[in-house]
């Protein structure tokens, strides 16, 4: 990813309202359509989906991120948190 693309990548923001959260998900999804190998953004998308209560979508985003960033401790922690919320991730 070029420096320009990195600067365009949606940044982590404090998601105060559900409307803002939905907009962040939409923005990040649009960005990822053009940059599908951006593991950090996939990880952020998983976080946003989890905050929105969309656990299946969160798992999908984290699985995709884990394929790119297989040793990322934040992704492993996210899978543990999703399991604690009662969602079966199927990832060990």
N, C-alpha and C. Protein backbone atom coordinates (compact mmCIF):
# COMPACT_ATOMS: atom_id res chain seq x y z
N UNK A 1 0.85 -1.17 0.00
CA UNK A 1 0.00 0.00 0.00
C UNK A 1 0.90 1.24 0.00
N UNK A 2 0.58 2.20 -0.85
CA UNK A 2 1.39 3.41 -0.94
C UNK A 2 1.11 4.33 0.24
N UNK A 3 2.00 5.32 0.42
CA UNK A 3 1.81 6.29 1.50
C UNK A 3 0.50 7.03 1.32
N UNK A 4 0.17 7.33 0.07
CA UNK A 4 -1.08 8.05 -0.21
C UNK A 4 -2.28 7.21 0.20
N UNK A 5 -2.28 5.92 -0.15
CA UNK A 5 -3.38 5.04 0.22
C UNK A 5 -3.49 4.92 1.73
N UNK A 6 -2.35 4.84 2.43
CA UNK A 6 -2.38 4.75 3.88
C UNK A 6 -3.01 6.00 4.48
N UNK A 7 -2.74 7.16 3.90
CA UNK A 7 -3.31 8.39 4.44
C UNK A 7 -4.80 8.48 4.16
N UNK A 8 -5.26 7.78 3.14
CA UNK A 8 -6.68 7.78 2.79
C UNK A 8 -7.45 6.77 3.63
N UNK A 9 -6.78 5.74 4.11
CA UNK A 9 -7.44 4.70 4.89
C UNK A 9 -8.21 5.31 6.04
N UNK A 10 -9.47 4.91 6.23
CA UNK A 10 -10.26 5.44 7.34
C UNK A 10 -9.55 5.21 8.67
N UNK A 11 -9.50 6.22 9.46
CA UNK A 11 -8.81 6.14 10.74
C UNK A 11 -9.79 5.77 11.85
N UNK A 12 -9.23 5.23 12.93
CA UNK A 12 -10.02 4.87 14.10
C UNK A 12 -10.56 6.15 14.74
N UNK A 13 -11.87 6.20 14.90
CA UNK A 13 -12.51 7.35 15.52
C UNK A 13 -13.35 6.88 16.70
N UNK A 14 -13.61 7.78 17.59
CA UNK A 14 -14.51 7.48 18.69
C UNK A 14 -15.91 7.39 18.11
N UNK A 15 -16.53 6.23 18.22
CA UNK A 15 -17.84 6.02 17.62
C UNK A 15 -18.92 6.32 18.63
N UNK A 16 -19.33 7.59 18.71
CA UNK A 16 -20.28 8.03 19.71
C UNK A 16 -21.71 7.65 19.43
N UNK A 17 -22.13 7.65 18.18
CA UNK A 17 -23.52 7.35 17.88
C UNK A 17 -23.61 6.14 16.96
N UNK A 18 -24.78 5.52 16.97
CA UNK A 18 -24.95 4.35 16.10
C UNK A 18 -24.90 4.77 14.63
N UNK A 19 -25.39 5.97 14.32
CA UNK A 19 -25.33 6.45 12.94
C UNK A 19 -23.88 6.63 12.50
N UNK A 20 -23.06 7.17 13.39
CA UNK A 20 -21.64 7.33 13.10
C UNK A 20 -20.98 5.97 12.92
N UNK A 21 -21.36 5.01 13.75
CA UNK A 21 -20.82 3.66 13.66
C UNK A 21 -21.17 3.02 12.32
N UNK A 22 -22.40 3.16 11.90
CA UNK A 22 -22.83 2.63 10.60
C UNK A 22 -22.06 3.30 9.47
N UNK A 23 -21.87 4.60 9.57
CA UNK A 23 -21.13 5.32 8.53
C UNK A 23 -19.68 4.87 8.49
N UNK A 24 -19.06 4.65 9.64
CA UNK A 24 -17.67 4.17 9.68
C UNK A 24 -17.56 2.78 9.04
N UNK A 25 -18.53 1.92 9.31
CA UNK A 25 -18.53 0.58 8.71
C UNK A 25 -18.63 0.71 7.19
N UNK A 26 -19.54 1.56 6.73
CA UNK A 26 -19.71 1.74 5.28
C UNK A 26 -18.44 2.31 4.64
N UNK A 27 -17.84 3.29 5.29
CA UNK A 27 -16.61 3.90 4.76
C UNK A 27 -15.48 2.88 4.69
N UNK A 28 -15.33 2.12 5.76
CA UNK A 28 -14.25 1.15 5.82
C UNK A 28 -14.48 0.01 4.82
N UNK A 29 -15.72 -0.40 4.65
CA UNK A 29 -16.05 -1.44 3.68
C UNK A 29 -15.72 -0.96 2.27
N UNK A 30 -16.06 0.29 1.97
CA UNK A 30 -15.75 0.85 0.65
C UNK A 30 -14.23 0.91 0.44
N UNK A 31 -13.51 1.32 1.45
CA UNK A 31 -12.05 1.37 1.36
C UNK A 31 -11.48 -0.03 1.12
N UNK A 32 -12.00 -1.02 1.83
CA UNK A 32 -11.48 -2.39 1.72
C UNK A 32 -11.80 -3.04 0.37
N UNK A 33 -12.81 -2.55 -0.32
CA UNK A 33 -13.08 -3.08 -1.66
C UNK A 33 -11.92 -2.76 -2.60
N UNK A 34 -11.26 -1.64 -2.35
CA UNK A 34 -10.12 -1.24 -3.17
C UNK A 34 -8.80 -1.71 -2.58
N UNK A 35 -8.81 -2.07 -1.29
CA UNK A 35 -7.58 -2.46 -0.58
C UNK A 35 -7.84 -3.70 0.26
N UNK A 36 -8.19 -4.82 -0.38
CA UNK A 36 -8.61 -6.01 0.37
C UNK A 36 -7.52 -6.67 1.20
N UNK A 37 -6.27 -6.31 0.99
CA UNK A 37 -5.17 -6.93 1.73
C UNK A 37 -4.68 -6.05 2.89
N UNK A 38 -5.47 -5.07 3.28
CA UNK A 38 -5.11 -4.19 4.39
C UNK A 38 -5.60 -4.83 5.69
N UNK A 39 -4.72 -5.63 6.31
CA UNK A 39 -5.07 -6.37 7.51
C UNK A 39 -5.48 -5.48 8.66
N UNK A 40 -4.82 -4.35 8.80
CA UNK A 40 -5.15 -3.43 9.89
C UNK A 40 -6.57 -2.89 9.74
N UNK A 41 -6.95 -2.56 8.53
CA UNK A 41 -8.31 -2.05 8.30
C UNK A 41 -9.35 -3.16 8.48
N UNK A 42 -9.01 -4.38 8.09
CA UNK A 42 -9.92 -5.50 8.33
C UNK A 42 -10.12 -5.71 9.83
N UNK A 43 -9.05 -5.55 10.58
CA UNK A 43 -9.13 -5.67 12.04
C UNK A 43 -10.04 -4.57 12.60
N UNK A 44 -9.89 -3.35 12.12
CA UNK A 44 -10.75 -2.25 12.55
C UNK A 44 -12.21 -2.52 12.20
N UNK A 45 -12.44 -3.09 11.01
CA UNK A 45 -13.80 -3.41 10.60
C UNK A 45 -14.41 -4.43 11.56
N UNK A 46 -13.64 -5.43 11.96
CA UNK A 46 -14.12 -6.40 12.92
C UNK A 46 -14.50 -5.74 14.23
N UNK A 47 -13.69 -4.80 14.67
CA UNK A 47 -13.97 -4.06 15.91
C UNK A 47 -15.27 -3.28 15.80
N UNK A 48 -15.46 -2.61 14.67
CA UNK A 48 -16.68 -1.82 14.46
C UNK A 48 -17.92 -2.71 14.42
N UNK A 49 -17.80 -3.85 13.70
CA UNK A 49 -18.93 -4.77 13.65
C UNK A 49 -19.26 -5.28 15.05
N UNK A 50 -18.26 -5.59 15.84
CA UNK A 50 -18.51 -6.08 17.20
C UNK A 50 -19.21 -5.01 18.02
N UNK A 51 -18.78 -3.76 17.91
CA UNK A 51 -19.42 -2.66 18.64
C UNK A 51 -20.87 -2.49 18.20
N UNK A 52 -21.14 -2.79 16.93
CA UNK A 52 -22.50 -2.65 16.39
C UNK A 52 -23.36 -3.87 16.72
N UNK A 53 -22.76 -4.88 17.35
CA UNK A 53 -23.51 -6.08 17.69
C UNK A 53 -23.66 -7.06 16.53
N UNK A 54 -22.92 -6.84 15.47
CA UNK A 54 -22.97 -7.71 14.29
C UNK A 54 -21.82 -8.72 14.41
N UNK A 55 -22.03 -9.72 15.27
CA UNK A 55 -20.95 -10.62 15.63
C UNK A 55 -20.50 -11.53 14.49
N UNK A 56 -21.41 -12.00 13.67
CA UNK A 56 -21.01 -12.85 12.54
C UNK A 56 -20.13 -12.08 11.56
N UNK A 57 -20.51 -10.82 11.31
CA UNK A 57 -19.72 -9.99 10.42
C UNK A 57 -18.36 -9.68 11.05
N UNK A 58 -18.35 -9.48 12.37
CA UNK A 58 -17.08 -9.23 13.08
C UNK A 58 -16.15 -10.42 12.91
N UNK A 59 -16.69 -11.62 13.09
CA UNK A 59 -15.88 -12.83 12.94
C UNK A 59 -15.31 -12.90 11.53
N UNK A 60 -16.13 -12.65 10.53
CA UNK A 60 -15.66 -12.70 9.14
C UNK A 60 -14.52 -11.72 8.90
N UNK A 61 -14.66 -10.52 9.42
CA UNK A 61 -13.61 -9.51 9.24
C UNK A 61 -12.33 -9.93 9.96
N UNK A 62 -12.48 -10.44 11.17
CA UNK A 62 -11.29 -10.88 11.92
C UNK A 62 -10.63 -12.10 11.27
N UNK A 63 -11.41 -13.01 10.71
CA UNK A 63 -10.83 -14.17 10.02
C UNK A 63 -10.01 -13.69 8.82
N UNK A 64 -10.57 -12.75 8.05
CA UNK A 64 -9.84 -12.21 6.91
C UNK A 64 -8.57 -11.49 7.37
N UNK A 65 -8.66 -10.75 8.46
CA UNK A 65 -7.49 -10.05 9.00
C UNK A 65 -6.43 -11.05 9.47
N UNK A 66 -6.88 -12.13 10.10
CA UNK A 66 -5.95 -13.15 10.62
C UNK A 66 -5.19 -13.84 9.49
N UNK A 67 -5.78 -13.96 8.32
CA UNK A 67 -5.09 -14.55 7.18
C UNK A 67 -3.93 -13.67 6.73
N UNK A 68 -4.07 -12.36 6.90
CA UNK A 68 -3.04 -11.41 6.49
C UNK A 68 -2.05 -11.16 7.64
N UNK A 69 -2.58 -11.13 8.86
CA UNK A 69 -1.77 -10.86 10.05
C UNK A 69 -1.89 -12.04 11.02
N UNK A 70 -1.32 -13.20 10.68
CA UNK A 70 -1.58 -14.42 11.45
C UNK A 70 -1.09 -14.40 12.90
N UNK A 71 -0.15 -13.57 13.24
CA UNK A 71 0.36 -13.57 14.62
C UNK A 71 -0.06 -12.34 15.41
N UNK A 72 -1.04 -11.63 14.92
CA UNK A 72 -1.48 -10.40 15.57
C UNK A 72 -2.20 -10.71 16.88
N UNK A 73 -1.68 -10.25 18.02
CA UNK A 73 -2.30 -10.57 19.30
C UNK A 73 -3.67 -9.91 19.49
N UNK A 74 -3.91 -8.78 18.85
CA UNK A 74 -5.22 -8.12 18.97
C UNK A 74 -6.32 -8.97 18.33
N UNK A 75 -5.99 -9.61 17.22
CA UNK A 75 -6.98 -10.47 16.55
C UNK A 75 -7.27 -11.68 17.42
N UNK A 76 -6.25 -12.28 17.98
CA UNK A 76 -6.46 -13.42 18.88
C UNK A 76 -7.34 -13.02 20.06
N UNK A 77 -7.05 -11.85 20.63
CA UNK A 77 -7.85 -11.36 21.75
C UNK A 77 -9.30 -11.12 21.33
N UNK A 78 -9.49 -10.61 20.13
CA UNK A 78 -10.85 -10.36 19.63
C UNK A 78 -11.63 -11.66 19.52
N UNK A 79 -10.97 -12.73 19.04
CA UNK A 79 -11.65 -14.03 18.96
C UNK A 79 -12.06 -14.51 20.36
N UNK A 80 -11.20 -14.31 21.34
CA UNK A 80 -11.52 -14.71 22.71
C UNK A 80 -12.70 -13.90 23.23
N UNK A 81 -12.71 -12.60 22.97
CA UNK A 81 -13.81 -11.75 23.41
C UNK A 81 -15.13 -12.14 22.73
N UNK A 82 -15.06 -12.46 21.45
CA UNK A 82 -16.28 -12.87 20.74
C UNK A 82 -16.81 -14.18 21.30
N UNK A 83 -15.91 -15.09 21.65
CA UNK A 83 -16.34 -16.35 22.27
C UNK A 83 -16.98 -16.08 23.63
N UNK A 84 -16.42 -15.13 24.38
CA UNK A 84 -16.98 -14.78 25.69
C UNK A 84 -18.37 -14.17 25.55
N UNK A 85 -18.63 -13.54 24.41
CA UNK A 85 -19.95 -12.96 24.15
C UNK A 85 -20.94 -14.02 23.69
N UNK A 86 -20.44 -15.25 23.57
CA UNK A 86 -21.32 -16.35 23.19
C UNK A 86 -21.30 -16.69 21.72
N UNK A 87 -20.41 -16.07 20.97
CA UNK A 87 -20.35 -16.36 19.54
C UNK A 87 -19.24 -17.37 19.27
N UNK A 88 -19.56 -18.42 18.57
CA UNK A 88 -18.57 -19.42 18.21
C UNK A 88 -17.81 -18.94 17.00
N UNK A 89 -16.51 -18.75 17.16
CA UNK A 89 -15.71 -18.22 16.06
C UNK A 89 -15.16 -19.32 15.17
N UNK A 90 -14.98 -20.52 15.71
CA UNK A 90 -14.39 -21.58 14.93
C UNK A 90 -12.92 -21.38 14.69
N UNK A 91 -12.33 -20.38 15.35
CA UNK A 91 -10.91 -20.10 15.19
C UNK A 91 -10.23 -20.37 16.51
N UNK A 92 -9.07 -20.99 16.47
CA UNK A 92 -8.37 -21.35 17.71
C UNK A 92 -7.08 -20.60 17.81
